[in-house]
PDB file of all heavy atoms in Angstrom:
ATOM      1  N   VAL A   1       4.530  13.940   9.530  1.00  0.00           N
ATOM      2  CA  VAL A   1       4.813  14.402   8.164  1.00  0.00           C
ATOM      3  C   VAL A   1       4.731  13.211   7.208  1.00  0.00           C
ATOM      4  O   VAL A   1       5.470  12.244   7.337  1.00  0.00           O
ATOM      5  CB  VAL A   1       6.215  15.049   8.070  1.00  0.00           C
ATOM      6  CG1 VAL A   1       6.499  15.505   6.640  1.00  0.00           C
ATOM      7  CG2 VAL A   1       6.334  16.221   9.037  1.00  0.00           C
ATOM      8  N   HIS A   2       3.813  13.312   6.240  1.00  0.00           N
ATOM      9  CA  HIS A   2       3.625  12.229   5.266  1.00  0.00           C
ATOM     10  C   HIS A   2       4.634  12.378   4.126  1.00  0.00           C
ATOM     11  O   HIS A   2       4.731  13.432   3.510  1.00  0.00           O
ATOM     12  CB  HIS A   2       2.209  12.270   4.693  1.00  0.00           C
ATOM     13  CG  HIS A   2       1.143  12.068   5.716  1.00  0.00           C
ATOM     14  ND1 HIS A   2       0.766  10.831   6.174  1.00  0.00           N
ATOM     15  CD2 HIS A   2       0.371  12.964   6.395  1.00  0.00           C
ATOM     16  CE1 HIS A   2      -0.193  10.949   7.070  1.00  0.00           C
ATOM     17  NE2 HIS A   2      -0.453  12.242   7.222  1.00  0.00           N
ATOM     18  N   GLU A   3       5.361  11.302   3.842  1.00  0.00           N
ATOM     19  CA  GLU A   3       6.311  11.282   2.719  1.00  0.00           C
ATOM     20  C   GLU A   3       5.849  10.251   1.693  1.00  0.00           C
ATOM     21  O   GLU A   3       5.430   9.148   2.053  1.00  0.00           O
ATOM     22  CB  GLU A   3       7.711  10.917   3.215  1.00  0.00           C
ATOM     23  CG  GLU A   3       8.291  11.889   4.215  1.00  0.00           C
ATOM     24  CD  GLU A   3       9.593  11.359   4.807  1.00  0.00           C
ATOM     25  OE1 GLU A   3      10.643  11.513   4.148  1.00  0.00           O
ATOM     26  OE2 GLU A   3       9.556  10.790   5.910  1.00  0.00           O
ATOM     27  N   ILE A   4       5.962  10.600   0.436  1.00  0.00           N
ATOM     28  CA  ILE A   4       5.551   9.683  -0.636  1.00  0.00           C
ATOM     29  C   ILE A   4       6.488   8.473  -0.669  1.00  0.00           C
ATOM     30  O   ILE A   4       7.710   8.625  -0.673  1.00  0.00           O
ATOM     31  CB  ILE A   4       5.557  10.406  -2.001  1.00  0.00           C
ATOM     32  CG1 ILE A   4       4.428  11.453  -2.044  1.00  0.00           C
ATOM     33  CG2 ILE A   4       5.384   9.404  -3.153  1.00  0.00           C
ATOM     34  CD1 ILE A   4       4.451  12.351  -3.257  1.00  0.00           C
ATOM     35  N   ILE A   5       5.885   7.265  -0.685  1.00  0.00           N
ATOM     36  CA  ILE A   5       6.695   6.044  -0.761  1.00  0.00           C
ATOM     37  C   ILE A   5       6.347   5.186  -1.989  1.00  0.00           C
ATOM     38  O   ILE A   5       7.024   4.197  -2.260  1.00  0.00           O
ATOM     39  CB  ILE A   5       6.582   5.192   0.522  1.00  0.00           C
ATOM     40  CG1 ILE A   5       5.123   4.901   0.878  1.00  0.00           C
ATOM     41  CG2 ILE A   5       7.315   5.864   1.684  1.00  0.00           C
ATOM     42  CD1 ILE A   5       4.943   3.939   2.063  1.00  0.00           C
ATOM     43  N   GLU A   6       5.309   5.586  -2.720  1.00  0.00           N
ATOM     44  CA  GLU A   6       4.996   4.908  -3.994  1.00  0.00           C
ATOM     45  C   GLU A   6       4.482   5.943  -4.979  1.00  0.00           C
ATOM     46  O   GLU A   6       3.589   6.723  -4.656  1.00  0.00           O
ATOM     47  CB  GLU A   6       3.945   3.812  -3.812  1.00  0.00           C
ATOM     48  CG  GLU A   6       3.657   3.060  -5.114  1.00  0.00           C
ATOM     49  CD  GLU A   6       2.508   2.056  -5.014  1.00  0.00           C
ATOM     50  OE1 GLU A   6       1.970   1.883  -3.908  1.00  0.00           O
ATOM     51  OE2 GLU A   6       2.143   1.473  -6.060  1.00  0.00           O
ATOM     52  N   PHE A   7       5.085   5.963  -6.164  1.00  0.00           N
ATOM     53  CA  PHE A   7       4.687   6.898  -7.222  1.00  0.00           C
ATOM     54  C   PHE A   7       4.208   6.066  -8.416  1.00  0.00           C
ATOM     55  O   PHE A   7       5.002   5.573  -9.199  1.00  0.00           O
ATOM     56  CB  PHE A   7       5.883   7.762  -7.637  1.00  0.00           C
ATOM     57  CG  PHE A   7       5.508   9.035  -8.359  1.00  0.00           C
ATOM     58  CD1 PHE A   7       6.156  10.228  -8.048  1.00  0.00           C
ATOM     59  CD2 PHE A   7       4.541   9.062  -9.343  1.00  0.00           C
ATOM     60  CE1 PHE A   7       5.834  11.418  -8.692  1.00  0.00           C
ATOM     61  CE2 PHE A   7       4.194  10.231 -10.001  1.00  0.00           C
ATOM     62  CZ  PHE A   7       4.852  11.423  -9.671  1.00  0.00           C
ATOM     63  N   PRO A   8       2.886   5.903  -8.559  1.00  0.00           N
ATOM     64  CA  PRO A   8       2.339   5.159  -9.701  1.00  0.00           C
ATOM     65  C   PRO A   8       1.689   6.104 -10.719  1.00  0.00           C
ATOM     66  O   PRO A   8       1.195   7.167 -10.352  1.00  0.00           O
ATOM     67  CB  PRO A   8       1.274   4.284  -9.046  1.00  0.00           C
ATOM     68  CG  PRO A   8       0.742   5.167  -7.935  1.00  0.00           C
ATOM     69  CD  PRO A   8       1.835   6.144  -7.543  1.00  0.00           C
ATOM     70  N   ILE A   9       1.692   5.712 -11.971  1.00  0.00           N
ATOM     71  CA  ILE A   9       0.925   6.413 -13.008  1.00  0.00           C
ATOM     72  C   ILE A   9       0.260   5.369 -13.894  1.00  0.00           C
ATOM     73  O   ILE A   9       0.899   4.387 -14.292  1.00  0.00           O
ATOM     74  CB  ILE A   9       1.805   7.318 -13.898  1.00  0.00           C
ATOM     75  CG1 ILE A   9       2.577   8.349 -13.078  1.00  0.00           C
ATOM     76  CG2 ILE A   9       0.944   8.042 -14.947  1.00  0.00           C
ATOM     77  CD1 ILE A   9       3.497   9.222 -13.916  1.00  0.00           C
ATOM     78  N   VAL A  10      -1.011   5.583 -14.199  1.00  0.00           N
ATOM     79  CA  VAL A  10      -1.722   4.758 -15.181  1.00  0.00           C
ATOM     80  C   VAL A  10      -2.062   5.670 -16.352  1.00  0.00           C
ATOM     81  O   VAL A  10      -2.708   6.701 -16.172  1.00  0.00           O
ATOM     82  CB  VAL A  10      -2.999   4.143 -14.567  1.00  0.00           C
ATOM     83  CG1 VAL A  10      -3.873   3.548 -15.657  1.00  0.00           C
ATOM     84  CG2 VAL A  10      -2.636   3.076 -13.548  1.00  0.00           C
ATOM     85  N   LEU A  11      -1.576   5.304 -17.531  1.00  0.00           N
ATOM     86  CA  LEU A  11      -1.759   6.119 -18.726  1.00  0.00           C
ATOM     87  C   LEU A  11      -2.990   5.640 -19.488  1.00  0.00           C
ATOM     88  O   LEU A  11      -3.004   4.550 -20.069  1.00  0.00           O
ATOM     89  CB  LEU A  11      -0.523   6.039 -19.623  1.00  0.00           C
ATOM     90  CG  LEU A  11      -0.508   6.941 -20.855  1.00  0.00           C
ATOM     91  CD1 LEU A  11      -0.499   8.417 -20.465  1.00  0.00           C
ATOM     92  CD2 LEU A  11       0.701   6.621 -21.746  1.00  0.00           C
ATOM     93  N   LEU A  12      -4.035   6.463 -19.481  1.00  0.00           N
ATOM     94  CA  LEU A  12      -5.308   6.121 -20.115  1.00  0.00           C
ATOM     95  C   LEU A  12      -5.471   6.876 -21.424  1.00  0.00           C
ATOM     96  O   LEU A  12      -5.421   8.107 -21.447  1.00  0.00           O
ATOM     97  CB  LEU A  12      -6.466   6.457 -19.156  1.00  0.00           C
ATOM     98  CG  LEU A  12      -7.886   6.287 -19.701  1.00  0.00           C
ATOM     99  CD1 LEU A  12      -8.170   4.826 -20.014  1.00  0.00           C
ATOM    100  CD2 LEU A  12      -8.908   6.839 -18.704  1.00  0.00           C
ATOM    101  N   ASN A  13      -5.653   6.134 -22.513  1.00  0.00           N
ATOM    102  CA  ASN A  13      -5.924   6.728 -23.820  1.00  0.00           C
ATOM    103  C   ASN A  13      -7.415   7.053 -23.877  1.00  0.00           C
ATOM    104  O   ASN A  13      -8.256   6.156 -23.816  1.00  0.00           O
ATOM    105  CB  ASN A  13      -5.544   5.736 -24.930  1.00  0.00           C
ATOM    106  CG  ASN A  13      -5.714   6.315 -26.327  1.00  0.00           C
ATOM    107  OD1 ASN A  13      -6.680   7.032 -26.616  1.00  0.00           O
ATOM    108  ND2 ASN A  13      -4.782   5.993 -27.217  1.00  0.00           N
ATOM    109  N   THR A  14      -7.760   8.323 -23.988  1.00  0.00           N
ATOM    110  CA  THR A  14      -9.171   8.720 -23.925  1.00  0.00           C
ATOM    111  C   THR A  14      -9.932   8.438 -25.226  1.00  0.00           C
ATOM    112  O   THR A  14     -11.156   8.520 -25.255  1.00  0.00           O
ATOM    113  CB  THR A  14      -9.313  10.213 -23.595  1.00  0.00           C
ATOM    114  OG1 THR A  14      -8.716  10.977 -24.647  1.00  0.00           O
ATOM    115  CG2 THR A  14      -8.653  10.555 -22.266  1.00  0.00           C
ATOM    116  N   HIS A  15      -9.210   8.110 -26.299  1.00  0.00           N
ATOM    117  CA  HIS A  15      -9.860   7.802 -27.578  1.00  0.00           C
ATOM    118  C   HIS A  15     -10.215   6.317 -27.682  1.00  0.00           C
ATOM    119  O   HIS A  15     -11.297   5.960 -28.137  1.00  0.00           O
ATOM    120  CB  HIS A  15      -8.975   8.238 -28.739  1.00  0.00           C
ATOM    121  CG  HIS A  15      -8.614   9.693 -28.697  1.00  0.00           C
ATOM    122  ND1 HIS A  15      -9.541  10.695 -28.867  1.00  0.00           N
ATOM    123  CD2 HIS A  15      -7.423  10.316 -28.464  1.00  0.00           C
ATOM    124  CE1 HIS A  15      -8.945  11.886 -28.761  1.00  0.00           C
ATOM    125  NE2 HIS A  15      -7.666  11.671 -28.515  1.00  0.00           N
ATOM    126  N   THR A  16      -9.274   5.461 -27.233  1.00  0.00           N
ATOM    127  CA  THR A  16      -9.533   4.017 -27.274  1.00  0.00           C
ATOM    128  C   THR A  16     -10.139   3.522 -25.965  1.00  0.00           C
ATOM    129  O   THR A  16     -10.651   2.404 -25.904  1.00  0.00           O
ATOM    130  CB  THR A  16      -8.229   3.242 -27.527  1.00  0.00           C
ATOM    131  OG1 THR A  16      -7.341   3.442 -26.401  1.00  0.00           O
ATOM    132  CG2 THR A  16      -7.548   3.707 -28.804  1.00  0.00           C
ATOM    133  N   LEU A  17     -10.060   4.343 -24.913  1.00  0.00           N
ATOM    134  CA  LEU A  17     -10.513   3.994 -23.556  1.00  0.00           C
ATOM    135  C   LEU A  17      -9.773   2.766 -23.027  1.00  0.00           C
ATOM    136  O   LEU A  17     -10.326   1.954 -22.284  1.00  0.00           O
ATOM    137  CB  LEU A  17     -12.028   3.769 -23.519  1.00  0.00           C
ATOM    138  CG  LEU A  17     -12.888   4.968 -23.966  1.00  0.00           C
ATOM    139  CD1 LEU A  17     -14.365   4.654 -23.816  1.00  0.00           C
ATOM    140  CD2 LEU A  17     -12.527   6.222 -23.168  1.00  0.00           C
ATOM    141  N   GLU A  18      -8.508   2.663 -23.411  1.00  0.00           N
ATOM    142  CA  GLU A  18      -7.663   1.564 -22.946  1.00  0.00           C
ATOM    143  C   GLU A  18      -6.516   2.113 -22.101  1.00  0.00           C
ATOM    144  O   GLU A  18      -6.027   3.216 -22.354  1.00  0.00           O
ATOM    145  CB  GLU A  18      -7.070   0.797 -24.143  1.00  0.00           C
ATOM    146  CG  GLU A  18      -8.090   0.110 -25.028  1.00  0.00           C
ATOM    147  CD  GLU A  18      -8.664  -1.141 -24.378  1.00  0.00           C
ATOM    148  OE1 GLU A  18      -7.995  -1.724 -23.510  1.00  0.00           O
ATOM    149  OE2 GLU A  18      -9.803  -1.513 -24.741  1.00  0.00           O
ATOM    150  N   ILE A  19      -6.099   1.310 -21.104  1.00  0.00           N
ATOM    151  CA  ILE A  19      -4.883   1.641 -20.358  1.00  0.00           C
ATOM    152  C   ILE A  19      -3.704   1.238 -21.239  1.00  0.00           C
ATOM    153  O   ILE A  19      -3.526   0.053 -21.541  1.00  0.00           O
ATOM    154  CB  ILE A  19      -4.836   0.906 -19.010  1.00  0.00           C
ATOM    155  CG1 ILE A  19      -5.920   1.461 -18.064  1.00  0.00           C
ATOM    156  CG2 ILE A  19      -3.456   1.038 -18.366  1.00  0.00           C
ATOM    157  CD1 ILE A  19      -6.053   0.714 -16.749  1.00  0.00           C
ATOM    158  N   GLU A  20      -2.931   2.220 -21.669  1.00  0.00           N
ATOM    159  CA  GLU A  20      -1.827   1.944 -22.603  1.00  0.00           C
ATOM    160  C   GLU A  20      -0.536   1.561 -21.897  1.00  0.00           C
ATOM    161  O   GLU A  20       0.273   0.826 -22.441  1.00  0.00           O
ATOM    162  CB  GLU A  20      -1.573   3.162 -23.498  1.00  0.00           C
ATOM    163  CG  GLU A  20      -2.451   3.189 -24.709  1.00  0.00           C
ATOM    164  CD  GLU A  20      -1.956   4.139 -25.791  1.00  0.00           C
ATOM    165  OE1 GLU A  20      -0.797   4.596 -25.724  1.00  0.00           O
ATOM    166  OE2 GLU A  20      -2.745   4.422 -26.695  1.00  0.00           O
ATOM    167  N   ASP A  21      -0.347   2.088 -20.702  1.00  0.00           N
ATOM    168  CA  ASP A  21       0.924   1.851 -20.025  1.00  0.00           C
ATOM    169  C   ASP A  21       0.786   2.183 -18.547  1.00  0.00           C
ATOM    170  O   ASP A  21      -0.165   2.869 -18.137  1.00  0.00           O
ATOM    171  CB  ASP A  21       2.021   2.717 -20.646  1.00  0.00           C
ATOM    172  CG  ASP A  21       3.395   2.063 -20.541  1.00  0.00           C
ATOM    173  OD1 ASP A  21       3.546   1.100 -19.768  1.00  0.00           O
ATOM    174  OD2 ASP A  21       4.332   2.539 -21.220  1.00  0.00           O
ATOM    175  N   THR A  22       1.719   1.690 -17.756  1.00  0.00           N
ATOM    176  CA  THR A  22       1.760   2.029 -16.328  1.00  0.00           C
ATOM    177  C   THR A  22       3.195   2.300 -15.905  1.00  0.00           C
ATOM    178  O   THR A  22       4.145   1.800 -16.517  1.00  0.00           O
ATOM    179  CB  THR A  22       1.189   0.892 -15.448  1.00  0.00           C
ATOM    180  OG1 THR A  22       1.991  -0.276 -15.617  1.00  0.00           O
ATOM    181  CG2 THR A  22      -0.261   0.593 -15.788  1.00  0.00           C
ATOM    182  N   PHE A  23       3.313   3.094 -14.855  1.00  0.00           N
ATOM    183  CA  PHE A  23       4.621   3.384 -14.241  1.00  0.00           C
ATOM    184  C   PHE A  23       4.462   3.152 -12.741  1.00  0.00           C
ATOM    185  O   PHE A  23       3.420   3.499 -12.167  1.00  0.00           O
ATOM    186  CB  PHE A  23       5.012   4.842 -14.495  1.00  0.00           C
ATOM    187  CG  PHE A  23       6.281   5.275 -13.787  1.00  0.00           C
ATOM    188  CD1 PHE A  23       7.502   5.243 -14.444  1.00  0.00           C
ATOM    189  CD2 PHE A  23       6.241   5.715 -12.461  1.00  0.00           C
ATOM    190  CE1 PHE A  23       8.665   5.632 -13.797  1.00  0.00           C
ATOM    191  CE2 PHE A  23       7.402   6.120 -11.812  1.00  0.00           C
ATOM    192  CZ  PHE A  23       8.620   6.079 -12.476  1.00  0.00           C
ATOM    193  N   GLN A  24       5.473   2.559 -12.126  1.00  0.00           N
ATOM    194  CA  GLN A  24       5.440   2.387 -10.674  1.00  0.00           C
ATOM    195  C   GLN A  24       6.863   2.333 -10.125  1.00  0.00           C
ATOM    196  O   GLN A  24       7.675   1.533 -10.589  1.00  0.00           O
ATOM    197  CB  GLN A  24       4.709   1.100 -10.288  1.00  0.00           C
ATOM    198  CG  GLN A  24       4.630   0.882  -8.768  1.00  0.00           C
ATOM    199  CD  GLN A  24       4.202  -0.533  -8.415  1.00  0.00           C
ATOM    200  OE1 GLN A  24       4.630  -1.491  -9.064  1.00  0.00           O
ATOM    201  NE2 GLN A  24       3.369  -0.679  -7.391  1.00  0.00           N
ATOM    202  N   GLN A  25       7.147   3.211  -9.194  1.00  0.00           N
ATOM    203  CA  GLN A  25       8.409   3.146  -8.470  1.00  0.00           C
ATOM    204  C   GLN A  25       8.175   3.482  -7.007  1.00  0.00           C
ATOM    205  O   GLN A  25       7.320   4.314  -6.679  1.00  0.00           O
ATOM    206  CB  GLN A  25       9.459   4.100  -9.068  1.00  0.00           C
ATOM    207  CG  GLN A  25      10.137   3.533 -10.299  1.00  0.00           C
ATOM    208  CD  GLN A  25      11.441   4.256 -10.648  1.00  0.00           C
ATOM    209  OE1 GLN A  25      11.802   5.260 -10.047  1.00  0.00           O
ATOM    210  NE2 GLN A  25      12.133   3.739 -11.631  1.00  0.00           N
ATOM    211  N   TYR A  26       8.939   2.825  -6.146  1.00  0.00           N
ATOM    212  CA  TYR A  26       8.871   3.107  -4.717  1.00  0.00           C
ATOM    213  C   TYR A  26       9.898   4.169  -4.362  1.00  0.00           C
ATOM    214  O   TYR A  26      10.857   4.413  -5.118  1.00  0.00           O
ATOM    215  CB  TYR A  26       9.079   1.820  -3.917  1.00  0.00           C
ATOM    216  CG  TYR A  26       7.980   0.809  -4.161  1.00  0.00           C
ATOM    217  CD1 TYR A  26       8.189  -0.280  -5.013  1.00  0.00           C
ATOM    218  CD2 TYR A  26       6.734   0.965  -3.571  1.00  0.00           C
ATOM    219  CE1 TYR A  26       7.171  -1.202  -5.255  1.00  0.00           C
ATOM    220  CE2 TYR A  26       5.713   0.051  -3.814  1.00  0.00           C
ATOM    221  CZ  TYR A  26       5.940  -1.017  -4.653  1.00  0.00           C
ATOM    222  OH  TYR A  26       4.928  -1.910  -4.905  1.00  0.00           O
ATOM    223  N   VAL A  27       9.703   4.812  -3.226  1.00  0.00           N
ATOM    224  CA  VAL A  27      10.521   5.964  -2.834  1.00  0.00           C
ATOM    225  C   VAL A  27      11.047   5.760  -1.420  1.00  0.00           C
ATOM    226  O   VAL A  27      10.305   5.309  -0.530  1.00  0.00           O
ATOM    227  CB  VAL A  27       9.688   7.269  -2.886  1.00  0.00           C
ATOM    228  CG1 VAL A  27      10.553   8.480  -2.558  1.00  0.00           C
ATOM    229  CG2 VAL A  27       9.023   7.434  -4.255  1.00  0.00           C
ATOM    230  N   LYS A  28      12.320   6.130  -1.217  1.00  0.00           N
ATOM    231  CA  LYS A  28      12.934   6.033   0.110  1.00  0.00           C
ATOM    232  C   LYS A  28      12.585   7.283   0.925  1.00  0.00           C
ATOM    233  O   LYS A  28      12.941   8.396   0.533  1.00  0.00           O
ATOM    234  CB  LYS A  28      14.452   5.932  -0.027  1.00  0.00           C
ATOM    235  CG  LYS A  28      15.204   5.739   1.299  1.00  0.00           C
ATOM    236  CD  LYS A  28      16.685   6.052   1.142  1.00  0.00           C
ATOM    237  CE  LYS A  28      17.392   5.036   0.265  1.00  0.00           C
ATOM    238  NZ  LYS A  28      17.670   3.771   0.987  1.00  0.00           N
ATOM    239  N   PRO A  29      11.868   7.141   2.056  1.00  0.00           N
ATOM    240  CA  PRO A  29      11.544   8.320   2.866  1.00  0.00           C
ATOM    241  C   PRO A  29      12.774   8.835   3.628  1.00  0.00           C
ATOM    242  O   PRO A  29      13.658   8.044   3.979  1.00  0.00           O
ATOM    243  CB  PRO A  29      10.469   7.796   3.830  1.00  0.00           C
ATOM    244  CG  PRO A  29      10.703   6.321   3.912  1.00  0.00           C
ATOM    245  CD  PRO A  29      11.318   5.894   2.613  1.00  0.00           C
ATOM    246  N   GLU A  30      12.820  10.149   3.871  1.00  0.00           N
ATOM    247  CA  GLU A  30      13.975  10.762   4.536  1.00  0.00           C
ATOM    248  C   GLU A  30      13.715  11.062   6.012  1.00  0.00           C
ATOM    249  O   GLU A  30      14.545  10.760   6.870  1.00  0.00           O
ATOM    250  CB  GLU A  30      14.345  12.076   3.832  1.00  0.00           C
ATOM    251  CG  GLU A  30      14.789  11.922   2.394  1.00  0.00           C
ATOM    252  CD  GLU A  30      15.074  13.269   1.752  1.00  0.00           C
ATOM    253  OE1 GLU A  30      15.658  14.142   2.420  1.00  0.00           O
ATOM    254  OE2 GLU A  30      14.687  13.448   0.583  1.00  0.00           O
ATOM    255  N   ILE A  31      12.572  11.680   6.308  1.00  0.00           N
ATOM    256  CA  ILE A  31      12.301  12.123   7.678  1.00  0.00           C
ATOM    257  C   ILE A  31      11.992  10.947   8.600  1.00  0.00           C
ATOM    258  O   ILE A  31      12.503  10.853   9.708  1.00  0.00           O
ATOM    259  CB  ILE A  31      11.139  13.147   7.695  1.00  0.00           C
ATOM    260  CG1 ILE A  31      11.544  14.406   6.938  1.00  0.00           C
ATOM    261  CG2 ILE A  31      10.742  13.498   9.129  1.00  0.00           C
ATOM    262  CD1 ILE A  31      10.439  15.424   6.779  1.00  0.00           C
ATOM    263  N   ASN A  32      11.129  10.049   8.135  1.00  0.00           N
ATOM    264  CA  ASN A  32      10.804   8.830   8.886  1.00  0.00           C
ATOM    265  C   ASN A  32      11.174   7.616   8.037  1.00  0.00           C
ATOM    266  O   ASN A  32      10.300   6.990   7.420  1.00  0.00           O
ATOM    267  CB  ASN A  32       9.309   8.793   9.230  1.00  0.00           C
ATOM    268  CG  ASN A  32       8.911   9.900  10.188  1.00  0.00           C
ATOM    269  OD1 ASN A  32       9.381   9.954  11.310  1.00  0.00           O
ATOM    270  ND2 ASN A  32       8.041  10.795   9.740  1.00  0.00           N
TER     271      ASN A  32
END
């Protein structure tokens, strides 16, 4: 069973074609 251990987001502005911001957090797995 695969559990998510990293949740990243890259926020891309489609008008400027620039990466405006990023999000990254790690996650504690429960089953394994």
